[in-house]
N, C-alpha and C. Protein backbone atom coordinates (compact mmCIF):
# COMPACT_ATOMS: atom_id res chain seq x y z
N GLN A 1 -73.39 -7.96 40.41
CA GLN A 1 -72.49 -9.09 40.42
C GLN A 1 -72.96 -10.13 41.42
N SER A 2 -72.71 -11.33 41.05
CA SER A 2 -73.13 -12.41 41.93
C SER A 2 -72.17 -12.52 43.11
N PRO A 3 -72.62 -13.05 44.21
CA PRO A 3 -71.74 -13.22 45.38
C PRO A 3 -70.59 -14.18 45.10
N LEU A 4 -70.84 -15.18 44.26
CA LEU A 4 -69.77 -16.13 43.95
C LEU A 4 -68.65 -15.45 43.15
N LEU A 5 -69.00 -14.63 42.19
CA LEU A 5 -68.01 -13.91 41.41
C LEU A 5 -67.22 -12.95 42.29
N LEU A 6 -67.88 -12.29 43.19
CA LEU A 6 -67.22 -11.38 44.12
C LEU A 6 -66.26 -12.14 45.03
N LEU A 7 -66.67 -13.32 45.48
CA LEU A 7 -65.82 -14.14 46.32
C LEU A 7 -64.56 -14.59 45.56
N LEU A 8 -64.73 -14.98 44.30
CA LEU A 8 -63.58 -15.38 43.51
C LEU A 8 -62.61 -14.23 43.29
N LYS A 9 -63.13 -13.05 43.06
CA LYS A 9 -62.27 -11.88 42.88
C LYS A 9 -61.52 -11.57 44.16
N LEU A 10 -62.20 -11.66 45.29
CA LEU A 10 -61.57 -11.34 46.57
C LEU A 10 -60.47 -12.34 46.92
N ARG A 11 -60.65 -13.57 46.57
CA ARG A 11 -59.65 -14.58 46.91
C ARG A 11 -58.51 -14.62 45.91
N GLY A 12 -58.54 -13.80 44.88
CA GLY A 12 -57.44 -13.74 43.93
C GLY A 12 -57.44 -14.87 42.93
N MET A 13 -58.56 -15.54 42.78
CA MET A 13 -58.60 -16.68 41.89
C MET A 13 -59.22 -16.32 40.53
N TRP A 14 -59.62 -15.09 40.37
CA TRP A 14 -60.25 -14.66 39.13
C TRP A 14 -59.18 -14.33 38.10
N GLN A 15 -59.35 -14.82 36.90
CA GLN A 15 -58.43 -14.50 35.82
C GLN A 15 -59.21 -13.86 34.69
N ARG A 16 -58.56 -12.91 34.05
CA ARG A 16 -59.20 -12.28 32.90
C ARG A 16 -59.34 -13.28 31.76
N THR A 17 -60.23 -13.00 30.86
CA THR A 17 -60.47 -13.87 29.72
C THR A 17 -59.25 -13.86 28.81
N ILE A 18 -58.85 -15.03 28.36
CA ILE A 18 -57.73 -15.15 27.45
C ILE A 18 -58.25 -14.93 26.04
N HIS A 19 -57.65 -14.02 25.35
CA HIS A 19 -58.08 -13.73 23.99
C HIS A 19 -57.56 -14.80 23.04
N ALA A 20 -58.32 -15.08 22.01
CA ALA A 20 -57.98 -16.14 21.07
C ALA A 20 -56.69 -15.84 20.32
N GLU A 21 -56.41 -14.56 20.02
CA GLU A 21 -55.20 -14.25 19.27
C GLU A 21 -53.94 -14.41 20.12
N ALA A 22 -54.06 -14.42 21.44
CA ALA A 22 -52.90 -14.59 22.30
C ALA A 22 -52.57 -16.07 22.55
N MET A 23 -53.51 -16.93 22.22
CA MET A 23 -53.29 -18.36 22.45
C MET A 23 -52.30 -18.92 21.45
N PRO A 24 -51.34 -19.71 21.91
CA PRO A 24 -50.41 -20.34 20.96
C PRO A 24 -51.16 -21.38 20.13
N THR A 25 -50.77 -21.51 18.89
CA THR A 25 -51.40 -22.49 18.03
C THR A 25 -50.83 -23.87 18.31
N PHE A 26 -51.53 -24.86 17.85
CA PHE A 26 -51.06 -26.24 18.01
C PHE A 26 -49.73 -26.43 17.30
N THR A 27 -49.58 -25.84 16.14
CA THR A 27 -48.34 -25.96 15.37
C THR A 27 -47.17 -25.36 16.13
N GLN A 28 -47.37 -24.21 16.76
CA GLN A 28 -46.29 -23.59 17.54
C GLN A 28 -45.90 -24.48 18.72
N LEU A 29 -46.88 -24.97 19.46
CA LEU A 29 -46.59 -25.84 20.60
C LEU A 29 -45.91 -27.13 20.16
N PHE A 30 -46.38 -27.70 19.06
CA PHE A 30 -45.78 -28.93 18.55
C PHE A 30 -44.33 -28.71 18.13
N ALA A 31 -44.07 -27.60 17.46
CA ALA A 31 -42.71 -27.30 17.01
C ALA A 31 -41.76 -27.13 18.19
N ILE A 32 -42.22 -26.46 19.23
CA ILE A 32 -41.37 -26.25 20.39
C ILE A 32 -41.17 -27.54 21.18
N CYS A 33 -42.22 -28.32 21.32
CA CYS A 33 -42.10 -29.58 22.06
C CYS A 33 -41.27 -30.61 21.30
N THR A 34 -41.13 -30.43 20.00
CA THR A 34 -40.28 -31.31 19.21
C THR A 34 -38.82 -31.20 19.65
N ILE A 35 -38.45 -30.06 20.21
CA ILE A 35 -37.08 -29.89 20.70
C ILE A 35 -36.77 -30.95 21.76
N GLY A 36 -37.69 -31.15 22.69
CA GLY A 36 -37.47 -32.16 23.73
C GLY A 36 -37.39 -33.57 23.17
N ALA A 37 -38.22 -33.87 22.17
CA ALA A 37 -38.18 -35.19 21.55
C ALA A 37 -36.86 -35.39 20.80
N THR A 38 -36.38 -34.34 20.15
CA THR A 38 -35.10 -34.41 19.45
C THR A 38 -33.96 -34.72 20.41
N VAL A 39 -33.98 -34.06 21.55
CA VAL A 39 -32.94 -34.29 22.56
C VAL A 39 -32.98 -35.73 23.05
N GLU A 40 -34.15 -36.24 23.34
CA GLU A 40 -34.26 -37.61 23.85
C GLU A 40 -33.80 -38.63 22.82
N PHE A 41 -34.22 -38.45 21.56
CA PHE A 41 -33.79 -39.38 20.52
C PHE A 41 -32.29 -39.25 20.27
N GLY A 42 -31.77 -38.05 20.35
CA GLY A 42 -30.33 -37.85 20.18
C GLY A 42 -29.53 -38.54 21.26
N TRP A 43 -29.95 -38.36 22.51
CA TRP A 43 -29.26 -39.03 23.61
C TRP A 43 -29.33 -40.54 23.45
N ALA A 44 -30.52 -41.05 23.14
CA ALA A 44 -30.68 -42.50 23.01
C ALA A 44 -29.80 -43.06 21.89
N GLY A 45 -29.76 -42.36 20.78
CA GLY A 45 -28.95 -42.84 19.66
C GLY A 45 -27.47 -42.80 19.94
N VAL A 46 -27.00 -41.70 20.47
CA VAL A 46 -25.56 -41.54 20.72
C VAL A 46 -25.09 -42.49 21.82
N GLU A 47 -25.85 -42.58 22.88
CA GLU A 47 -25.42 -43.45 23.97
C GLU A 47 -25.53 -44.93 23.61
N ALA A 48 -26.45 -45.26 22.72
CA ALA A 48 -26.56 -46.65 22.28
C ALA A 48 -25.42 -47.03 21.33
N VAL A 49 -24.86 -46.04 20.65
CA VAL A 49 -23.81 -46.30 19.68
C VAL A 49 -22.42 -46.28 20.31
N LEU A 50 -22.19 -45.38 21.26
CA LEU A 50 -20.84 -45.12 21.74
C LEU A 50 -20.12 -46.35 22.29
N VAL A 51 -20.70 -46.99 23.28
CA VAL A 51 -20.00 -48.09 23.95
C VAL A 51 -19.75 -49.28 23.02
N PRO A 52 -20.76 -49.80 22.31
CA PRO A 52 -20.46 -50.94 21.42
C PRO A 52 -19.52 -50.57 20.27
N TYR A 53 -19.66 -49.35 19.76
CA TYR A 53 -18.86 -48.91 18.63
C TYR A 53 -17.38 -48.86 18.98
N LEU A 54 -17.06 -48.26 20.11
CA LEU A 54 -15.65 -48.16 20.50
C LEU A 54 -15.13 -49.46 21.11
N SER A 55 -15.97 -50.19 21.84
CA SER A 55 -15.54 -51.46 22.44
C SER A 55 -15.22 -52.48 21.35
N ARG A 56 -15.98 -52.46 20.27
CA ARG A 56 -15.75 -53.38 19.17
C ARG A 56 -14.39 -53.14 18.51
N HIS A 57 -13.91 -51.90 18.61
CA HIS A 57 -12.65 -51.56 17.98
C HIS A 57 -11.48 -51.55 18.96
N GLY A 58 -11.63 -52.18 20.11
CA GLY A 58 -10.51 -52.40 20.99
C GLY A 58 -10.27 -51.34 22.06
N VAL A 59 -11.15 -50.39 22.22
CA VAL A 59 -10.98 -49.38 23.26
C VAL A 59 -11.44 -49.99 24.58
N ARG A 60 -10.62 -49.82 25.61
CA ARG A 60 -10.95 -50.40 26.92
C ARG A 60 -12.21 -49.76 27.50
N GLN A 61 -12.93 -50.54 28.29
CA GLN A 61 -14.21 -50.10 28.84
C GLN A 61 -14.05 -48.87 29.74
N TRP A 62 -13.00 -48.81 30.55
CA TRP A 62 -12.83 -47.66 31.45
C TRP A 62 -12.57 -46.38 30.66
N VAL A 63 -11.94 -46.50 29.50
CA VAL A 63 -11.69 -45.32 28.67
C VAL A 63 -13.01 -44.83 28.07
N VAL A 64 -13.83 -45.77 27.62
CA VAL A 64 -15.12 -45.40 27.04
C VAL A 64 -16.02 -44.76 28.09
N SER A 65 -16.02 -45.30 29.29
CA SER A 65 -16.91 -44.76 30.33
C SER A 65 -16.44 -43.40 30.84
N THR A 66 -15.18 -43.06 30.63
CA THR A 66 -14.67 -41.76 31.07
C THR A 66 -15.36 -40.60 30.35
N ILE A 67 -15.76 -40.79 29.11
CA ILE A 67 -16.36 -39.72 28.34
C ILE A 67 -17.70 -39.28 28.93
N TYR A 68 -18.34 -40.14 29.69
CA TYR A 68 -19.61 -39.74 30.30
C TYR A 68 -19.42 -38.65 31.36
N LEU A 69 -18.19 -38.35 31.74
CA LEU A 69 -17.92 -37.25 32.66
C LEU A 69 -17.94 -35.89 31.97
N ALA A 70 -17.89 -35.87 30.65
CA ALA A 70 -17.80 -34.61 29.91
C ALA A 70 -19.04 -33.74 30.12
N ASN A 71 -20.21 -34.32 30.00
CA ASN A 71 -21.43 -33.52 30.09
C ASN A 71 -21.62 -32.88 31.46
N PRO A 72 -21.52 -33.62 32.57
CA PRO A 72 -21.70 -32.96 33.86
C PRO A 72 -20.61 -31.92 34.14
N THR A 73 -19.38 -32.22 33.73
CA THR A 73 -18.28 -31.29 33.99
C THR A 73 -18.44 -30.01 33.19
N LEU A 74 -18.65 -30.14 31.90
CA LEU A 74 -18.84 -28.95 31.06
C LEU A 74 -20.17 -28.27 31.33
N GLY A 75 -21.19 -29.07 31.66
CA GLY A 75 -22.51 -28.52 31.91
C GLY A 75 -22.55 -27.55 33.08
N LEU A 76 -21.73 -27.79 34.08
CA LEU A 76 -21.68 -26.88 35.23
C LEU A 76 -21.21 -25.49 34.82
N TRP A 77 -20.38 -25.42 33.80
CA TRP A 77 -19.85 -24.14 33.37
C TRP A 77 -20.67 -23.55 32.21
N VAL A 78 -21.06 -24.38 31.26
CA VAL A 78 -21.69 -23.89 30.03
C VAL A 78 -23.16 -23.50 30.23
N GLN A 79 -23.93 -24.33 30.88
CA GLN A 79 -25.37 -24.12 30.94
C GLN A 79 -25.81 -22.81 31.59
N PRO A 80 -25.26 -22.41 32.74
CA PRO A 80 -25.69 -21.13 33.30
C PRO A 80 -25.35 -19.94 32.40
N ARG A 81 -24.19 -20.01 31.76
CA ARG A 81 -23.80 -18.92 30.86
C ARG A 81 -24.66 -18.88 29.61
N LEU A 82 -25.00 -20.03 29.09
CA LEU A 82 -25.86 -20.09 27.91
C LEU A 82 -27.26 -19.55 28.23
N GLY A 83 -27.80 -19.92 29.38
CA GLY A 83 -29.11 -19.41 29.78
C GLY A 83 -29.09 -17.91 29.98
N ALA A 84 -28.05 -17.40 30.62
CA ALA A 84 -27.95 -15.95 30.83
C ALA A 84 -27.79 -15.20 29.51
N TRP A 85 -27.00 -15.76 28.62
CA TRP A 85 -26.80 -15.12 27.32
C TRP A 85 -28.10 -15.11 26.52
N SER A 86 -28.82 -16.23 26.55
CA SER A 86 -30.09 -16.32 25.85
C SER A 86 -31.10 -15.33 26.41
N ASP A 87 -31.12 -15.17 27.73
CA ASP A 87 -32.04 -14.21 28.35
C ASP A 87 -31.63 -12.77 28.06
N ARG A 88 -30.32 -12.51 28.02
CA ARG A 88 -29.85 -11.15 27.80
C ARG A 88 -30.22 -10.63 26.42
N ILE A 89 -30.03 -11.47 25.39
CA ILE A 89 -30.36 -11.00 24.05
C ILE A 89 -31.80 -11.31 23.67
N ASN A 90 -32.49 -12.06 24.53
CA ASN A 90 -33.91 -12.37 24.36
C ASN A 90 -34.21 -13.00 23.01
N ARG A 91 -33.34 -13.86 22.55
CA ARG A 91 -33.54 -14.59 21.31
C ARG A 91 -33.35 -16.07 21.61
N ARG A 92 -34.28 -16.89 21.19
CA ARG A 92 -34.21 -18.32 21.48
C ARG A 92 -33.90 -19.15 20.24
N VAL A 93 -34.51 -18.80 19.12
CA VAL A 93 -34.39 -19.62 17.91
C VAL A 93 -32.95 -19.74 17.42
N PRO A 94 -32.13 -18.67 17.41
CA PRO A 94 -30.74 -18.87 16.97
C PRO A 94 -29.97 -19.87 17.84
N PHE A 95 -30.26 -19.91 19.12
CA PHE A 95 -29.61 -20.87 20.01
C PHE A 95 -30.07 -22.29 19.68
N VAL A 96 -31.36 -22.45 19.42
CA VAL A 96 -31.88 -23.77 19.07
C VAL A 96 -31.22 -24.27 17.78
N VAL A 97 -31.13 -23.41 16.78
CA VAL A 97 -30.53 -23.81 15.50
C VAL A 97 -29.04 -24.11 15.68
N ALA A 98 -28.31 -23.24 16.35
CA ALA A 98 -26.87 -23.43 16.52
C ALA A 98 -26.56 -24.70 17.33
N LEU A 99 -27.30 -24.93 18.40
CA LEU A 99 -27.05 -26.13 19.20
C LEU A 99 -27.46 -27.39 18.46
N SER A 100 -28.52 -27.33 17.66
CA SER A 100 -28.92 -28.50 16.87
C SER A 100 -27.87 -28.85 15.84
N VAL A 101 -27.37 -27.85 15.14
CA VAL A 101 -26.32 -28.09 14.14
C VAL A 101 -25.05 -28.61 14.81
N SER A 102 -24.69 -28.05 15.96
CA SER A 102 -23.50 -28.52 16.67
C SER A 102 -23.65 -29.96 17.15
N ALA A 103 -24.84 -30.30 17.64
CA ALA A 103 -25.08 -31.68 18.07
C ALA A 103 -25.00 -32.64 16.89
N LEU A 104 -25.53 -32.22 15.75
CA LEU A 104 -25.45 -33.05 14.55
C LEU A 104 -24.01 -33.24 14.10
N MET A 105 -23.21 -32.18 14.20
CA MET A 105 -21.79 -32.29 13.86
C MET A 105 -21.08 -33.24 14.82
N GLY A 106 -21.43 -33.19 16.10
CA GLY A 106 -20.83 -34.10 17.07
C GLY A 106 -21.19 -35.55 16.81
N ILE A 107 -22.45 -35.81 16.48
CA ILE A 107 -22.88 -37.18 16.18
C ILE A 107 -22.16 -37.69 14.92
N THR A 108 -22.06 -36.82 13.93
CA THR A 108 -21.36 -37.20 12.69
C THR A 108 -19.88 -37.48 12.97
N THR A 109 -19.26 -36.66 13.80
CA THR A 109 -17.85 -36.88 14.16
C THR A 109 -17.67 -38.20 14.89
N LEU A 110 -18.57 -38.52 15.79
CA LEU A 110 -18.50 -39.79 16.52
C LEU A 110 -18.60 -40.97 15.56
N ILE A 111 -19.57 -40.93 14.67
CA ILE A 111 -19.78 -42.05 13.76
C ILE A 111 -18.66 -42.16 12.73
N ALA A 112 -18.15 -41.02 12.26
CA ALA A 112 -17.14 -41.02 11.19
C ALA A 112 -15.71 -41.05 11.70
N ALA A 113 -15.49 -41.14 13.01
CA ALA A 113 -14.12 -41.08 13.55
C ALA A 113 -13.24 -42.21 13.02
N ILE A 114 -13.73 -43.43 13.07
CA ILE A 114 -12.91 -44.57 12.65
C ILE A 114 -12.68 -44.57 11.14
N PRO A 115 -13.73 -44.45 10.31
CA PRO A 115 -13.46 -44.42 8.87
C PRO A 115 -12.60 -43.23 8.44
N LEU A 116 -12.79 -42.09 9.07
CA LEU A 116 -12.03 -40.91 8.70
C LEU A 116 -10.54 -41.07 9.02
N THR A 117 -10.22 -41.54 10.20
CA THR A 117 -8.81 -41.69 10.56
C THR A 117 -8.14 -42.82 9.78
N ARG A 118 -8.90 -43.85 9.45
CA ARG A 118 -8.33 -44.91 8.61
C ARG A 118 -8.09 -44.41 7.19
N ALA A 119 -9.01 -43.59 6.68
CA ALA A 119 -8.83 -43.02 5.33
C ALA A 119 -7.64 -42.06 5.29
N LEU A 120 -7.37 -41.38 6.40
CA LEU A 120 -6.23 -40.47 6.46
C LEU A 120 -4.91 -41.19 6.72
N GLY A 121 -4.97 -42.50 6.99
CA GLY A 121 -3.76 -43.29 7.12
C GLY A 121 -3.22 -43.43 8.53
N PHE A 122 -3.96 -43.07 9.55
CA PHE A 122 -3.48 -43.25 10.92
C PHE A 122 -3.51 -44.72 11.28
N LYS A 123 -2.48 -45.17 11.94
CA LYS A 123 -2.36 -46.56 12.37
C LYS A 123 -2.27 -46.63 13.88
N ALA A 124 -2.78 -47.71 14.44
CA ALA A 124 -2.66 -47.93 15.89
C ALA A 124 -1.23 -48.31 16.22
N PHE A 125 -0.77 -47.93 17.41
CA PHE A 125 0.58 -48.28 17.82
C PHE A 125 0.68 -49.78 18.07
N ASN A 126 1.76 -50.38 17.58
CA ASN A 126 2.04 -51.81 17.78
C ASN A 126 0.87 -52.69 17.39
N SER A 127 0.28 -52.44 16.26
CA SER A 127 -0.85 -53.27 15.85
C SER A 127 -0.56 -53.87 14.48
N ALA A 128 -1.01 -55.08 14.33
CA ALA A 128 -0.88 -55.75 13.04
C ALA A 128 -2.05 -55.32 12.16
N GLU A 129 -2.02 -55.70 10.92
CA GLU A 129 -3.10 -55.32 10.00
C GLU A 129 -4.43 -55.94 10.40
N THR A 130 -4.41 -57.11 11.03
CA THR A 130 -5.65 -57.79 11.40
C THR A 130 -6.15 -57.37 12.78
N ASP A 131 -5.40 -56.57 13.50
CA ASP A 131 -5.78 -56.14 14.83
C ASP A 131 -6.96 -55.18 14.74
N VAL A 132 -7.86 -55.26 15.73
CA VAL A 132 -9.03 -54.38 15.71
C VAL A 132 -8.80 -53.09 16.47
N SER A 133 -7.62 -52.91 17.07
CA SER A 133 -7.38 -51.69 17.84
C SER A 133 -7.30 -50.49 16.91
N ILE A 134 -7.58 -49.35 17.46
CA ILE A 134 -7.61 -48.12 16.67
C ILE A 134 -6.62 -47.13 17.24
N PRO A 135 -6.18 -46.18 16.43
CA PRO A 135 -5.19 -45.22 16.92
C PRO A 135 -5.79 -44.28 17.96
N PRO A 136 -4.95 -43.72 18.83
CA PRO A 136 -5.44 -42.80 19.86
C PRO A 136 -6.14 -41.56 19.29
N ILE A 137 -5.74 -41.12 18.09
CA ILE A 137 -6.40 -39.97 17.49
C ILE A 137 -7.87 -40.27 17.19
N THR A 138 -8.16 -41.52 16.87
CA THR A 138 -9.54 -41.93 16.61
C THR A 138 -10.37 -41.88 17.89
N VAL A 139 -9.78 -42.38 18.98
CA VAL A 139 -10.49 -42.34 20.26
C VAL A 139 -10.74 -40.89 20.67
N ALA A 140 -9.73 -40.04 20.49
CA ALA A 140 -9.90 -38.63 20.84
C ALA A 140 -10.97 -37.97 19.98
N LEU A 141 -11.00 -38.29 18.69
CA LEU A 141 -12.00 -37.73 17.80
C LEU A 141 -13.40 -38.23 18.16
N ALA A 142 -13.53 -39.50 18.49
CA ALA A 142 -14.82 -40.05 18.91
C ALA A 142 -15.27 -39.41 20.23
N PHE A 143 -14.35 -39.22 21.16
CA PHE A 143 -14.69 -38.58 22.42
C PHE A 143 -15.11 -37.13 22.20
N LEU A 144 -14.41 -36.44 21.32
CA LEU A 144 -14.78 -35.07 21.00
C LEU A 144 -16.18 -35.01 20.39
N GLY A 145 -16.47 -35.92 19.48
CA GLY A 145 -17.80 -35.96 18.87
C GLY A 145 -18.88 -36.26 19.88
N PHE A 146 -18.64 -37.24 20.76
CA PHE A 146 -19.63 -37.56 21.77
C PHE A 146 -19.82 -36.41 22.75
N GLY A 147 -18.71 -35.84 23.20
CA GLY A 147 -18.81 -34.72 24.14
C GLY A 147 -19.55 -33.54 23.55
N LEU A 148 -19.26 -33.21 22.30
CA LEU A 148 -19.94 -32.10 21.63
C LEU A 148 -21.43 -32.37 21.49
N SER A 149 -21.77 -33.57 21.04
CA SER A 149 -23.20 -33.87 20.87
C SER A 149 -23.92 -33.93 22.21
N ASP A 150 -23.30 -34.50 23.22
CA ASP A 150 -23.96 -34.63 24.52
C ASP A 150 -24.19 -33.27 25.17
N ILE A 151 -23.19 -32.41 25.17
CA ILE A 151 -23.37 -31.10 25.80
C ILE A 151 -24.32 -30.23 24.99
N CYS A 152 -24.27 -30.33 23.67
CA CYS A 152 -25.20 -29.53 22.84
C CYS A 152 -26.63 -30.00 22.99
N LEU A 153 -26.84 -31.32 23.06
CA LEU A 153 -28.20 -31.82 23.27
C LEU A 153 -28.71 -31.41 24.63
N ASP A 154 -27.85 -31.46 25.64
CA ASP A 154 -28.26 -31.06 26.97
C ASP A 154 -28.57 -29.56 27.02
N CYS A 155 -27.73 -28.76 26.40
CA CYS A 155 -27.94 -27.31 26.39
C CYS A 155 -29.10 -26.90 25.50
N LEU A 156 -29.49 -27.76 24.57
CA LEU A 156 -30.62 -27.46 23.70
C LEU A 156 -31.92 -27.35 24.49
N LEU A 157 -31.96 -28.00 25.63
CA LEU A 157 -33.17 -27.92 26.46
C LEU A 157 -33.36 -26.52 27.05
N ILE A 158 -32.28 -25.77 27.25
CA ILE A 158 -32.38 -24.45 27.88
C ILE A 158 -33.17 -23.48 27.01
N PRO A 159 -32.76 -23.21 25.76
CA PRO A 159 -33.57 -22.30 24.95
C PRO A 159 -34.91 -22.91 24.57
N GLY A 160 -35.00 -24.23 24.50
CA GLY A 160 -36.29 -24.86 24.21
C GLY A 160 -37.30 -24.61 25.30
N ARG A 161 -36.88 -24.77 26.54
CA ARG A 161 -37.79 -24.49 27.67
C ARG A 161 -38.13 -23.01 27.74
N ALA A 162 -37.14 -22.16 27.48
CA ALA A 162 -37.39 -20.72 27.51
C ALA A 162 -38.35 -20.31 26.41
N LEU A 163 -38.22 -20.91 25.24
CA LEU A 163 -39.13 -20.61 24.13
C LEU A 163 -40.53 -21.06 24.47
N LEU A 164 -40.67 -22.22 25.06
CA LEU A 164 -42.00 -22.70 25.50
C LEU A 164 -42.57 -21.80 26.57
N HIS A 165 -41.74 -21.36 27.51
CA HIS A 165 -42.20 -20.45 28.55
C HIS A 165 -42.61 -19.11 27.97
N ASP A 166 -41.84 -18.59 27.03
CA ASP A 166 -42.20 -17.31 26.39
C ASP A 166 -43.54 -17.40 25.69
N LEU A 167 -43.78 -18.51 25.01
CA LEU A 167 -45.03 -18.70 24.29
C LEU A 167 -46.18 -18.88 25.26
N ALA A 168 -45.97 -19.66 26.31
CA ALA A 168 -47.03 -19.90 27.28
C ALA A 168 -47.32 -18.67 28.13
N ALA A 169 -46.29 -17.89 28.46
CA ALA A 169 -46.48 -16.70 29.28
C ALA A 169 -47.27 -15.63 28.54
N SER A 170 -47.11 -15.58 27.21
CA SER A 170 -47.84 -14.56 26.46
C SER A 170 -49.32 -14.89 26.36
N SER A 171 -49.68 -16.15 26.60
CA SER A 171 -51.08 -16.52 26.49
C SER A 171 -51.78 -16.58 27.84
N SER A 172 -51.06 -16.35 28.93
CA SER A 172 -51.69 -16.41 30.24
C SER A 172 -51.73 -15.02 30.86
N ASP A 173 -52.55 -14.90 31.84
CA ASP A 173 -52.68 -13.60 32.52
C ASP A 173 -51.93 -13.59 33.82
N ALA A 174 -51.12 -14.58 34.08
CA ALA A 174 -50.40 -14.68 35.34
C ALA A 174 -49.31 -13.65 35.43
């Protein structure tokens, strides 16, 4: 053995050869990294829609801004439990699918809140037919949709990172 190889081994910097079959494929890495892109586009879309959508229909600005407290408040309780549950059962993909579907349901609820409540016949209190104000049930439904999509998109990062770590850890000798 060469002195340089011996020195590398002694200093703990030597790593065994990574076998080709243990390396993640480009498709696997791309699929997992798409989770992060989905979260970013979801956040951008929902946050770009929420304030103008509700403000245009007469909801006060302070009421609209209150919903942004949902994610940090719920996140303190939900995220550690979700991560522990995901680690305990050692399954990531079901969490990714369930959180993605839940986020999509939340976005749909946010967008469909006004047409849905109008179709069901809810009227705003003390409003004329030409008034742009909306009933409180619509605001609550929009807040529920935003809160669901925001917390699900945020929690989607947990199993996504764990899935990426699982894939990367299997290909390294660390």
